[in-house]
């Protein structure tokens, strides 16, 4: 049996280095949250779960100073609507699950605590839809009254979220028909598998194992699957171009999806590009170019794209 002296044991511990504390996972029950802010600071920061295109409404027991509201990554929120004693947030798809953003604000009356700090944790689906913030203990009667008001507010939040989901759940035009699975032979719009006929550029950062094309009465669409290597940074399509040598560039109507593509997510590797094309304008091979929104400007180029 190997025996270690006291000196050897200390040396091994020093080589191993200090243990790294892992951050605790955020548990999000969703729905209505009640937050009590103590008058004396405790160092604890309240965490609130948010999710893209789902509304979260803060309700404070006193008025806040609107100009004091500081929201990290504010430009990536679709809606930031402060009221006298409320704050409604609707994150956009630019926020990635796992991100943690800081929200700070001050109260008008100056009573303790004079300010509040929250950590907004981006989740894929769970969301705190209604967050009640109180700075003191409340009576039973007051809590019962607030529960009634909260139920009404929650119902309104749910209705608004359903409207947001309906508006952002699928794109317009030919892209929407493809995403929702409405394309079949009965619609007169049949897809054509062009995977074997297309040519990928050597500098493409991602593989493209599947490509299909569509041709409707007023436009065309290209559906492709991107396979991102492990460890690659998320990729958000910022724009696209469909250009032929003889026909020139077609007018691109939109690209789906608007959210980032993430490595290892098979359901998020689908990209659809729709363009306007009158009869006769979609003849001959085209070159499809996709480029990244901001960031390092990665791009995907595919040659010999044809349409039915």
Foldseek 3Di string as FASTA:
>chain_A
DDDDDPVRVVVVVVVVPDDDDDDDDDDFPAEEAEAEAELDDDPDAAEFEDEALAKAKEFEPAFWDVVFKDKPPVVQWPDWDDDRGMTMTHGHLADDAADKIKIKTAGDVCGGPGIHIHIYGYHHDGGHRYYYYYHDDDDPVVVVVVVVVSVVVRVVSVVSSVVSCVVQVFDDDPRRCVVVVVDDVVVVKDKDWCQPPKDWDPPAQWDWNTKIKIDDQWWIKIKIFTAHDPPDDWFAFPDKWKQDPPLGIFAWPDKPDRHTQDHPDRVRRMMMIMTTDHPPSQDWKIKMKTWGDDDPTHMIIMTRDHYD
